[in-house]
Amino acid sequence: MRHPDRSALPDPPAQPSGPPGRLARTAPYGLSNGAPVHILLDVSRLLLCVHRTSPSGIERVEYAYARRWLAQPATACTFTAQSLWGHFAALPREGVAALLDALDEVWDRGTPQRRGLRRAQRIALALQGRLARGGGRLALRAQLRRHPGAVFLLVSHHALDQRAPIAALRRAGARFVPLIHDLIPLTHPEYTRVPQIARHAARIANVAALADGIIVNSAATESVLLDHLARHGRVPPIAIAPLGTRPMRAPAAALPTEPYFVCIGTVEPRKNHHLLLHLWRELAAEGRQGPRLLLCGRRGWENENVLDLLERCTGLRGLVRELGAVPDAEVTALLAGARALLFPSFAEGYGLPVAEALALGTPVLCSDLPALREVGGAVPDYLDPLDGPGWRRAILDYAAPDSPARAAQLARLPGWTMPSWDAHFDEVDALLAHVTAEAEPMLAETPRRRRGEPSLAGATPA
């Protein structure tokens, strides 16, 4: 964990080694001053993603946090979500567990979409209806009284641009710790929908004003975040906690023998599908019958050029296949048999597909980005996302059965360490213990309620 002002903190115990600026743990696992840290975990995004057959990266993170705290004693965590009226309220633990089980059926095991999604939607609708009727507000207030200094964890960016409901929790005594996934809307606005630019700026401003501590997924994200926080004049303690990888088991069934590559990610300009499709169109024009390209991911926004190629370019038919959002088990099987994962993105805050491919023993060809180098280390082959000829050479090399570059990467793989959720939560626990060890919240002043702002004690909506 890093802190911007070391002089403001007590000297930590001597450590034999560790990243510079990292604080020693101030308390054992899950403890603050000898008492358990009580978590208020927001799961709003999980209530809103029940129409999807495959989760986004951020939804995977919120799911992992929910699973982690469901495995803890019931006294360790209160699950919360934002109502349609703007306030946060408590959710029943059994309802959250049921929702996660329903999402598992669709996301992981590939239960028939209609049946699996209907179940998840029914559960989410019941929980949202409860929130809309004012349910859970008194329960949340009671938990805040019972656990002074409880930590409100918001790990999905949901409602992070809305200062009032978070400030209401701060006034009630909660500490606030968000997880920042990236700053792409601010660093690369050309790859972002226009409304997201102002929303993300508001998120960072609220983090600077209200957060007691911050979790980031990579040193690359931290580096960019520090620059933006400095402009607001306040930098809370930061924990760099690389995201864990879901269990990856190669399928026992036989996989296709013809060479193919897999590209995983939402079809949007930032992911640079355009480069790959033009490359494959060139291969088709040369009369090549392979390798094949499989695209896994739902269609996003501002992708007209890519969709035109997918839908109208006859040369791509038979060589490129758009699979859309597919269950995790199917993605795992496809990755396991691929010559390599292709990840030519222009900007990333982390890069879960890179970690998942390497965890399966599948080589990776990816953009030369700081965040992806953190994930992949010395194993992948890194290329400039604009270097079309370089990508072509690498893909044709890896497609060959006796590819020397692919063999060299496979030889490097045993030296790679898979990021784990246990290691992630070790960093998170250290940050939580640190921020709750403070006698007072880490703010110059308690945020005052403005007229019209939500209050935990407000009247229940009609």
Protein backbone atom coordinates (compact mmCIF):
# COMPACT_ATOMS: atom_id res chain seq x y z
CA MET A 1 0.00 0.00 0.00
CA ARG A 2 1.30 3.43 -0.89
CA HIS A 3 0.72 6.71 0.90
CA PRO A 4 1.42 10.12 -0.62
CA ASP A 5 2.72 11.67 2.59
CA ARG A 6 4.97 9.31 4.53
CA SER A 7 5.77 11.98 7.13
CA ALA A 8 2.13 11.99 8.22
CA LEU A 9 2.23 8.31 9.19
CA PRO A 10 3.92 6.48 12.04
CA ASP A 11 7.11 4.68 11.05
CA PRO A 12 6.25 1.14 9.98
CA PRO A 13 8.10 -1.86 11.37
CA ALA A 14 11.24 -2.77 9.46
CA GLN A 15 10.61 -5.12 6.55
CA PRO A 16 13.22 -7.30 4.84
CA SER A 17 11.92 -6.48 1.38
CA GLY A 18 8.93 -5.15 -0.54
CA PRO A 19 7.89 -2.50 -3.00
CA PRO A 20 9.02 1.00 -2.01
CA GLY A 21 6.29 3.04 -0.34
CA ARG A 22 4.34 -0.05 0.68
CA LEU A 23 3.13 0.13 4.28
CA ALA A 24 3.44 -2.81 6.66
CA ARG A 25 0.17 -4.33 7.80
CA THR A 26 -1.23 -2.47 10.77
CA ALA A 27 -3.37 -5.39 11.93
CA PRO A 28 -3.88 -9.10 11.23
CA TYR A 29 -6.21 -10.31 8.49
CA GLY A 30 -9.57 -8.58 8.66
CA LEU A 31 -8.81 -6.73 11.88
CA SER A 32 -8.59 -3.09 12.85
CA ASN A 33 -7.31 -2.33 16.36
CA GLY A 34 -8.15 -5.93 17.23
CA ALA A 35 -11.76 -5.69 16.01
CA PRO A 36 -13.15 -7.12 12.75
CA VAL A 37 -13.57 -4.67 9.90
CA HIS A 38 -17.23 -4.55 8.89
CA ILE A 39 -17.77 -4.14 5.17
CA LEU A 40 -20.66 -2.45 3.37
CA LEU A 41 -20.26 -3.96 -0.10
CA ASP A 42 -22.12 -2.40 -3.00
CA VAL A 43 -23.47 -4.93 -5.52
CA SER A 44 -25.59 -2.53 -7.58
CA ARG A 45 -23.93 -3.49 -10.86
CA LEU A 46 -24.82 -7.16 -10.39
CA LEU A 47 -28.48 -6.18 -10.09
CA LEU A 48 -28.28 -4.35 -13.41
CA CYS A 49 -26.35 -6.86 -15.56
CA VAL A 50 -28.88 -9.71 -15.50
CA HIS A 51 -29.69 -9.24 -19.19
CA ARG A 52 -26.18 -10.32 -20.22
CA THR A 53 -25.08 -13.86 -20.99
CA SER A 54 -21.45 -12.98 -20.26
CA PRO A 55 -20.05 -10.50 -17.71
CA SER A 56 -17.81 -7.55 -18.34
CA GLY A 57 -14.48 -7.35 -16.55
CA ILE A 58 -15.86 -4.93 -13.95
CA GLU A 59 -18.83 -7.21 -13.30
CA ARG A 60 -16.42 -10.11 -12.75
CA VAL A 61 -14.67 -8.06 -10.08
CA GLU A 62 -17.87 -7.16 -8.24
CA TYR A 63 -18.90 -10.82 -8.44
CA ALA A 64 -15.53 -11.92 -6.96
CA TYR A 65 -15.92 -9.45 -4.08
CA ALA A 66 -19.46 -10.64 -3.39
CA ARG A 67 -18.34 -14.29 -3.40
CA ARG A 68 -15.46 -13.47 -1.10
CA TRP A 69 -17.64 -11.80 1.52
CA LEU A 70 -20.39 -14.38 1.23
CA ALA A 71 -17.75 -16.88 2.34
CA GLN A 72 -17.10 -14.79 5.48
CA PRO A 73 -19.33 -14.85 8.58
CA ALA A 74 -22.58 -12.96 8.17
CA THR A 75 -21.37 -10.42 10.75
CA ALA A 76 -18.45 -9.42 8.49
CA CYS A 77 -20.41 -7.80 5.68
CA THR A 78 -23.63 -6.00 4.84
CA PHE A 79 -24.51 -6.11 1.15
CA THR A 80 -25.86 -2.85 -0.24
CA ALA A 81 -27.19 -1.42 -3.48
CA GLN A 82 -28.45 1.90 -4.76
CA SER A 83 -32.18 2.35 -5.14
CA LEU A 84 -33.95 4.11 -7.97
CA TRP A 85 -34.32 7.04 -5.58
CA GLY A 86 -30.54 7.43 -5.24
CA HIS A 87 -29.92 6.26 -1.68
CA PHE A 88 -28.04 3.12 -0.66
CA ALA A 89 -29.74 0.47 1.44
CA ALA A 90 -29.02 -3.01 2.78
CA LEU A 91 -29.89 -6.16 0.84
CA PRO A 92 -30.74 -9.54 2.35
CA ARG A 93 -27.71 -11.81 2.31
CA GLU A 94 -29.70 -14.79 1.02
CA GLY A 95 -31.01 -12.71 -1.90
CA VAL A 96 -27.47 -11.79 -2.96
CA ALA A 97 -26.37 -15.43 -2.69
CA ALA A 98 -29.30 -16.55 -4.84
CA LEU A 99 -28.50 -13.91 -7.46
CA LEU A 100 -24.87 -15.02 -7.69
CA ASP A 101 -25.93 -18.66 -8.06
CA ALA A 102 -28.31 -17.70 -10.87
CA LEU A 103 -25.61 -15.70 -12.65
CA ASP A 104 -23.26 -18.67 -12.31
CA GLU A 105 -25.67 -20.82 -14.26
CA VAL A 106 -25.56 -18.44 -17.21
CA TRP A 107 -22.02 -17.06 -17.09
CA ASP A 108 -20.09 -20.18 -16.21
CA ARG A 109 -22.06 -23.28 -17.04
CA GLY A 110 -23.97 -21.96 -20.03
CA THR A 111 -27.46 -22.88 -18.82
CA PRO A 112 -29.97 -22.21 -21.62
CA GLN A 113 -30.09 -18.45 -21.81
CA ARG A 114 -33.82 -17.90 -21.42
CA ARG A 115 -34.16 -20.09 -18.36
CA GLY A 116 -30.98 -18.92 -16.63
CA LEU A 117 -31.51 -15.24 -17.34
CA ARG A 118 -35.16 -15.37 -16.31
CA ARG A 119 -34.18 -16.70 -12.90
CA ALA A 120 -31.49 -14.04 -12.42
CA GLN A 121 -33.88 -11.33 -13.60
CA ARG A 122 -36.62 -12.44 -11.19
CA ILE A 123 -34.23 -12.28 -8.25
CA ALA A 124 -32.78 -8.92 -9.30
CA LEU A 125 -36.25 -7.46 -9.85
CA ALA A 126 -37.36 -8.57 -6.38
CA LEU A 127 -34.29 -6.96 -4.80
CA GLN A 128 -34.76 -3.75 -6.79
CA GLY A 129 -38.44 -3.64 -5.85
CA ARG A 130 -37.46 -3.96 -2.20
CA LEU A 131 -35.07 -1.02 -2.57
CA ALA A 132 -37.69 1.10 -4.39
CA ARG A 133 -40.15 0.58 -1.51
CA GLY A 134 -37.56 1.87 0.96
CA GLY A 135 -36.57 -1.54 2.25
CA GLY A 136 -33.14 -1.91 3.79
CA ARG A 137 -32.65 1.71 4.84
CA LEU A 138 -33.30 1.07 8.52
CA ALA A 139 -31.18 -2.08 8.39
CA LEU A 140 -28.25 -0.12 6.94
CA ARG A 141 -28.59 2.57 9.60
CA ALA A 142 -28.61 -0.12 12.28
CA GLN A 143 -25.43 -1.67 10.90
CA LEU A 144 -23.70 1.71 10.86
CA ARG A 145 -24.61 2.22 14.52
CA ARG A 146 -23.49 -1.31 15.38
CA HIS A 147 -20.20 -1.01 13.50
CA PRO A 148 -18.71 2.49 13.83
CA GLY A 149 -16.14 3.02 11.12
CA ALA A 150 -17.56 0.37 8.80
CA VAL A 151 -16.06 0.55 5.30
CA PHE A 152 -18.22 1.21 2.26
CA LEU A 153 -16.59 -0.72 -0.60
CA LEU A 154 -17.58 0.34 -4.11
CA VAL A 155 -15.70 -1.76 -6.67
CA SER A 156 -17.62 -1.19 -9.92
CA HIS A 157 -17.60 2.60 -10.55
CA HIS A 158 -21.41 2.44 -10.14
CA ALA A 159 -22.73 5.74 -8.73
CA LEU A 160 -19.17 6.93 -8.16
CA ASP A 161 -20.03 10.08 -10.11
CA GLN A 162 -22.83 10.85 -7.62
CA ARG A 163 -21.35 12.58 -4.58
CA ALA A 164 -24.53 12.99 -2.52
CA PRO A 165 -25.39 9.33 -1.70
CA ILE A 166 -21.77 8.53 -0.86
CA ALA A 167 -21.48 11.65 1.27
CA ALA A 168 -24.61 10.53 3.16
CA LEU A 169 -22.84 7.31 4.14
CA ARG A 170 -19.75 9.29 5.15
CA ARG A 171 -21.85 11.55 7.40
CA ALA A 172 -23.28 8.43 9.03
CA GLY A 173 -19.77 7.36 9.99
CA ALA A 174 -18.72 5.00 7.21
CA ARG A 175 -15.24 5.03 5.71
CA PHE A 176 -15.17 4.97 1.90
CA VAL A 177 -12.87 2.83 -0.27
CA PRO A 178 -13.51 2.61 -4.05
CA LEU A 179 -11.73 0.48 -6.65
CA ILE A 180 -10.57 2.39 -9.72
CA HIS A 181 -10.29 0.17 -12.80
CA ASP A 182 -8.89 2.69 -15.27
CA LEU A 183 -8.92 6.32 -16.34
CA ILE A 184 -9.43 5.64 -20.04
CA PRO A 185 -12.33 8.13 -20.47
CA LEU A 186 -9.90 10.88 -19.37
CA THR A 187 -6.68 9.65 -20.98
CA HIS A 188 -8.23 8.35 -24.21
CA PRO A 189 -11.55 10.20 -24.66
CA GLU A 190 -11.55 9.32 -28.36
CA TYR A 191 -12.39 5.71 -27.41
CA THR A 192 -15.18 6.64 -25.00
CA ARG A 193 -18.81 7.59 -25.37
CA VAL A 194 -19.03 11.35 -24.87
CA PRO A 195 -21.16 11.34 -21.67
CA GLN A 196 -18.63 9.05 -19.98
CA ILE A 197 -15.90 11.68 -20.13
CA ALA A 198 -17.63 14.09 -17.75
CA ARG A 199 -18.92 11.22 -15.61
CA HIS A 200 -15.44 9.82 -15.11
CA ALA A 201 -14.07 13.24 -14.26
CA ALA A 202 -16.78 13.48 -11.59
CA ARG A 203 -15.84 10.02 -10.30
CA ILE A 204 -12.22 11.02 -9.78
CA ALA A 205 -13.23 14.31 -8.16
CA ASN A 206 -15.46 12.42 -5.72
CA VAL A 207 -12.70 9.94 -4.95
CA ALA A 208 -10.32 12.80 -4.15
CA ALA A 209 -12.92 14.47 -1.93
CA LEU A 210 -14.43 11.47 -0.10
CA ALA A 211 -12.21 8.38 -0.21
CA ASP A 212 -10.31 7.18 2.86
CA GLY A 213 -8.32 4.78 0.69
CA ILE A 214 -8.26 3.61 -2.92
CA ILE A 215 -7.78 0.20 -4.54
CA VAL A 216 -6.27 0.07 -8.04
CA ASN A 217 -5.73 -2.96 -10.25
CA SER A 218 -2.26 -2.09 -11.53
CA ALA A 219 0.67 0.25 -11.05
CA ALA A 220 -0.19 1.65 -14.47
CA THR A 221 -3.62 2.70 -13.23
CA GLU A 222 -2.08 4.13 -10.06
CA SER A 223 0.41 6.21 -12.04
CA VAL A 224 -2.30 7.90 -14.08
CA LEU A 225 -4.62 8.24 -11.08
CA LEU A 226 -1.96 10.02 -9.02
CA ASP A 227 -1.65 12.73 -11.65
CA HIS A 228 -5.39 13.35 -11.62
CA LEU A 229 -5.72 13.25 -7.83
CA ALA A 230 -2.89 15.74 -7.45
CA ARG A 231 -4.90 18.25 -9.44
CA HIS A 232 -7.60 18.00 -6.78
CA GLY A 233 -5.07 18.57 -3.99
CA ARG A 234 -5.65 15.31 -2.09
CA VAL A 235 -4.21 11.80 -2.53
CA PRO A 236 -5.58 9.12 -0.17
CA PRO A 237 -3.60 5.92 0.56
CA ILE A 238 -3.57 3.56 -2.42
CA ALA A 239 -3.33 -0.24 -2.56
CA ILE A 240 -2.15 -1.82 -5.79
CA ALA A 241 -4.04 -5.13 -5.94
CA PRO A 242 -3.79 -6.99 -9.26
CA LEU A 243 -7.04 -8.77 -10.11
CA GLY A 244 -7.28 -12.51 -9.62
CA THR A 245 -7.96 -15.00 -12.37
CA ARG A 246 -10.95 -17.34 -12.35
CA PRO A 247 -10.15 -21.05 -12.15
CA MET A 248 -8.97 -22.14 -15.58
CA ARG A 249 -9.12 -25.83 -16.48
CA ALA A 250 -8.38 -27.01 -20.00
CA PRO A 251 -11.21 -29.18 -21.36
CA ALA A 252 -10.74 -32.92 -21.69
CA ALA A 253 -12.61 -33.06 -25.01
CA ALA A 254 -10.69 -32.96 -28.28
CA LEU A 255 -10.20 -29.48 -29.74
CA PRO A 256 -10.12 -28.45 -33.41
CA THR A 257 -6.86 -29.33 -35.13
CA GLU A 258 -6.91 -26.47 -37.64
CA PRO A 259 -4.98 -23.40 -36.46
CA TYR A 260 -7.07 -20.56 -35.09
CA PHE A 261 -6.67 -17.46 -32.93
CA VAL A 262 -9.02 -15.97 -30.34
CA CYS A 263 -9.71 -12.29 -29.65
CA ILE A 264 -11.67 -11.52 -26.46
CA GLY A 265 -13.32 -8.18 -25.72
CA THR A 266 -16.28 -5.94 -26.43
CA VAL A 267 -16.39 -4.91 -30.07
CA GLU A 268 -15.52 -1.23 -29.69
CA PRO A 269 -12.84 1.04 -31.21
CA ARG A 270 -10.48 0.79 -28.22
CA LYS A 271 -10.11 -2.96 -28.67
CA ASN A 272 -8.74 -2.49 -32.21
CA HIS A 273 -10.68 -5.26 -33.95
CA HIS A 274 -10.30 -3.12 -37.07
CA LEU A 275 -6.60 -4.04 -37.37
CA LEU A 276 -7.30 -7.78 -37.15
CA LEU A 277 -10.17 -7.74 -39.64
CA HIS A 278 -8.14 -5.87 -42.24
CA LEU A 279 -5.27 -8.29 -41.71
CA TRP A 280 -7.57 -11.27 -42.23
CA ARG A 281 -9.07 -9.62 -45.30
CA GLU A 282 -5.55 -9.43 -46.76
CA LEU A 283 -5.02 -13.13 -46.01
CA ALA A 284 -8.30 -13.96 -47.77
CA ALA A 285 -7.31 -11.87 -50.80
CA GLU A 286 -4.12 -13.93 -51.04
CA GLY A 287 -6.20 -17.08 -51.23
CA ARG A 288 -5.22 -18.40 -47.80
CA GLN A 289 -7.62 -20.85 -46.19
CA GLY A 290 -6.37 -20.19 -42.66
CA PRO A 291 -5.66 -19.52 -39.91
CA ARG A 292 -9.10 -18.69 -38.56
CA LEU A 293 -10.07 -15.88 -36.19
CA LEU A 294 -12.73 -16.24 -33.48
CA LEU A 295 -14.14 -13.08 -31.90
CA CYS A 296 -15.61 -13.45 -28.39
CA GLY A 297 -17.46 -10.46 -26.98
CA ARG A 298 -20.65 -8.52 -27.33
CA ARG A 299 -21.05 -5.61 -29.71
CA GLY A 300 -20.34 -2.26 -28.13
CA TRP A 301 -20.50 1.29 -29.42
CA GLU A 302 -19.16 3.45 -32.27
CA ASN A 303 -18.07 0.35 -34.15
CA GLU A 304 -19.74 0.89 -37.53
CA ASN A 305 -16.57 0.23 -39.54
CA VAL A 306 -15.93 -3.06 -37.80
CA LEU A 307 -19.54 -4.17 -38.15
CA ASP A 308 -19.48 -3.30 -41.84
CA LEU A 309 -16.49 -5.59 -42.30
CA LEU A 310 -18.11 -8.40 -40.33
CA GLU A 311 -21.43 -8.17 -42.11
CA ARG A 312 -20.49 -7.22 -45.68
CA CYS A 313 -16.94 -8.39 -46.41
CA THR A 314 -17.37 -11.67 -48.26
CA GLY A 315 -13.66 -12.44 -48.00
CA LEU A 316 -13.93 -12.85 -44.22
CA ARG A 317 -16.61 -15.53 -44.43
CA GLY A 318 -15.23 -18.85 -43.38
CA LEU A 319 -12.08 -17.27 -41.94
CA VAL A 320 -13.54 -14.98 -39.26
CA ARG A 321 -16.36 -15.97 -36.95
CA GLU A 322 -18.10 -13.60 -34.54
CA LEU A 323 -19.29 -15.64 -31.57
CA GLY A 324 -20.67 -12.80 -29.46
CA ALA A 325 -20.96 -13.21 -25.68
CA VAL A 326 -20.26 -16.83 -24.80
CA PRO A 327 -20.21 -18.65 -21.42
CA ASP A 328 -16.93 -18.89 -19.55
CA ALA A 329 -16.67 -22.64 -20.11
CA GLU A 330 -16.78 -22.14 -23.88
CA VAL A 331 -14.25 -19.30 -23.78
CA THR A 332 -11.93 -21.54 -21.75
CA ALA A 333 -12.21 -24.34 -24.31
CA LEU A 334 -11.56 -21.98 -27.20
CA LEU A 335 -8.55 -20.39 -25.50
CA ALA A 336 -7.07 -23.76 -24.63
CA GLY A 337 -6.93 -24.81 -28.28
CA ALA A 338 -5.88 -21.50 -29.81
CA ARG A 339 -2.49 -20.81 -31.33
CA ALA A 340 -2.57 -17.59 -29.29
CA LEU A 341 -4.81 -14.94 -27.76
CA LEU A 342 -4.77 -11.75 -29.86
CA PHE A 343 -5.19 -8.57 -27.79
CA PRO A 344 -4.30 -5.49 -29.90
CA SER A 345 -6.00 -2.95 -27.61
CA PHE A 346 -5.10 0.74 -27.63
CA ALA A 347 -5.62 1.25 -23.87
CA GLU A 348 -6.19 -0.97 -20.83
CA GLY A 349 -6.29 -0.61 -17.08
CA TYR A 350 -5.48 -4.26 -16.49
CA GLY A 351 -6.03 -7.07 -19.02
CA LEU A 352 -7.88 -10.08 -17.64
CA PRO A 353 -7.90 -12.01 -20.97
CA VAL A 354 -4.09 -11.99 -20.97
CA ALA A 355 -3.98 -13.54 -17.50
CA GLU A 356 -6.65 -16.10 -18.40
CA ALA A 357 -4.83 -17.20 -21.56
CA LEU A 358 -1.49 -17.58 -19.81
CA ALA A 359 -3.16 -19.47 -16.96
CA LEU A 360 -4.28 -22.03 -19.54
CA GLY A 361 -0.84 -22.23 -21.11
CA THR A 362 -1.96 -20.40 -24.25
CA PRO A 363 0.50 -17.92 -25.79
CA VAL A 364 -0.41 -14.25 -26.05
CA LEU A 365 0.21 -11.62 -28.71
CA CYS A 366 -0.80 -8.27 -27.24
CA SER A 367 -0.23 -4.53 -27.41
CA ASP A 368 2.84 -3.11 -25.73
CA LEU A 369 1.02 -1.33 -22.90
CA PRO A 370 2.28 -0.86 -19.32
CA ALA A 371 -0.79 -2.54 -17.80
CA LEU A 372 -0.43 -5.59 -20.06
CA ARG A 373 3.27 -5.89 -19.26
CA GLU A 374 2.34 -5.95 -15.56
CA VAL A 375 0.00 -8.87 -16.18
CA GLY A 376 2.09 -10.84 -18.65
CA GLY A 377 5.61 -10.03 -17.55
CA ALA A 378 8.28 -11.39 -19.89
CA VAL A 379 6.05 -14.08 -21.41
CA PRO A 380 3.87 -12.56 -24.20
CA ASP A 381 5.15 -11.10 -27.43
CA TYR A 382 4.31 -7.38 -27.34
CA LEU A 383 3.55 -5.33 -30.46
CA ASP A 384 2.61 -1.77 -31.29
CA PRO A 385 -1.19 -1.73 -31.81
CA LEU A 386 -0.63 0.28 -35.02
CA ASP A 387 2.01 -2.04 -36.47
CA GLY A 388 -0.09 -3.98 -38.98
CA PRO A 389 2.88 -5.67 -40.71
CA GLY A 390 4.28 -6.71 -37.34
CA TRP A 391 1.01 -8.30 -36.29
CA ARG A 392 0.78 -10.09 -39.64
CA ARG A 393 4.28 -11.55 -39.29
CA ALA A 394 3.62 -12.69 -35.72
CA ILE A 395 0.25 -14.28 -36.54
CA LEU A 396 1.57 -16.18 -39.54
CA ASP A 397 4.55 -17.35 -37.50
CA TYR A 398 2.37 -18.55 -34.60
CA ALA A 399 -0.01 -20.27 -37.03
CA ALA A 400 2.76 -22.57 -38.28
CA PRO A 401 3.02 -25.96 -36.52
CA ASP A 402 6.77 -25.50 -36.03
CA SER A 403 6.61 -21.80 -35.03
CA PRO A 404 9.88 -20.84 -33.31
CA ALA A 405 8.37 -17.70 -31.73
CA ARG A 406 5.46 -19.68 -30.26
CA ALA A 407 7.83 -22.36 -28.95
CA ALA A 408 9.96 -19.66 -27.33
CA GLN A 409 6.93 -18.17 -25.57
CA LEU A 410 5.83 -21.58 -24.33
CA ALA A 411 9.33 -22.02 -22.91
CA ARG A 412 8.93 -18.75 -20.98
CA LEU A 413 5.52 -19.68 -19.55
CA PRO A 414 6.72 -21.74 -16.55
CA GLY A 415 8.30 -18.57 -15.14
CA TRP A 416 4.97 -16.74 -15.05
CA THR A 417 2.97 -16.49 -11.81
CA MET A 418 -0.81 -16.43 -12.11
CA PRO A 419 -2.42 -13.51 -10.22
CA SER A 420 -4.73 -14.85 -7.51
CA TRP A 421 -7.71 -13.44 -5.70
CA ASP A 422 -6.10 -14.45 -2.40
CA ALA A 423 -3.16 -12.15 -3.13
CA HIS A 424 -5.56 -9.41 -4.26
CA PHE A 425 -7.54 -9.56 -1.04
CA ASP A 426 -4.36 -9.61 1.05
CA GLU A 427 -3.61 -6.15 -0.34
CA VAL A 428 -7.22 -5.04 0.15
CA ASP A 429 -7.27 -6.27 3.76
CA ALA A 430 -4.09 -4.35 4.53
CA LEU A 431 -5.63 -1.15 3.16
CA LEU A 432 -8.90 -1.69 5.05
CA ALA A 433 -7.02 -2.27 8.30
CA HIS A 434 -5.00 0.88 7.72
CA VAL A 435 -7.91 3.22 6.97
CA THR A 436 -9.99 1.89 9.87
CA ALA A 437 -7.05 2.24 12.28
CA GLU A 438 -7.32 6.00 11.90
CA ALA A 439 -9.18 7.61 14.77
CA GLU A 440 -11.13 9.80 12.38
CA PRO A 441 -12.00 9.51 8.69
CA MET A 442 -9.21 10.79 6.46
CA LEU A 443 -10.96 14.02 5.48
CA ALA A 444 -10.21 17.61 6.36
CA GLU A 445 -13.87 18.07 7.23
CA THR A 446 -17.02 15.97 7.31
CA PRO A 447 -19.06 16.50 4.14
CA ARG A 448 -22.14 18.52 4.92
CA ARG A 449 -25.55 17.61 3.62
CA ARG A 450 -26.93 19.96 1.03
CA ARG A 451 -30.60 20.61 0.47
CA GLY A 452 -32.11 17.85 -1.63
CA GLU A 453 -29.29 15.37 -1.00
CA PRO A 454 -30.22 11.81 0.05
CA SER A 455 -30.10 11.03 3.74
CA LEU A 456 -30.05 7.65 5.44
CA ALA A 457 -32.71 8.98 7.75
CA GLY A 458 -34.89 10.45 5.02
CA ALA A 459 -38.53 9.62 4.49
CA THR A 460 -39.39 6.48 2.58
CA PRO A 461 -40.55 7.30 -0.95
CA ALA A 462 -44.20 6.78 -1.68
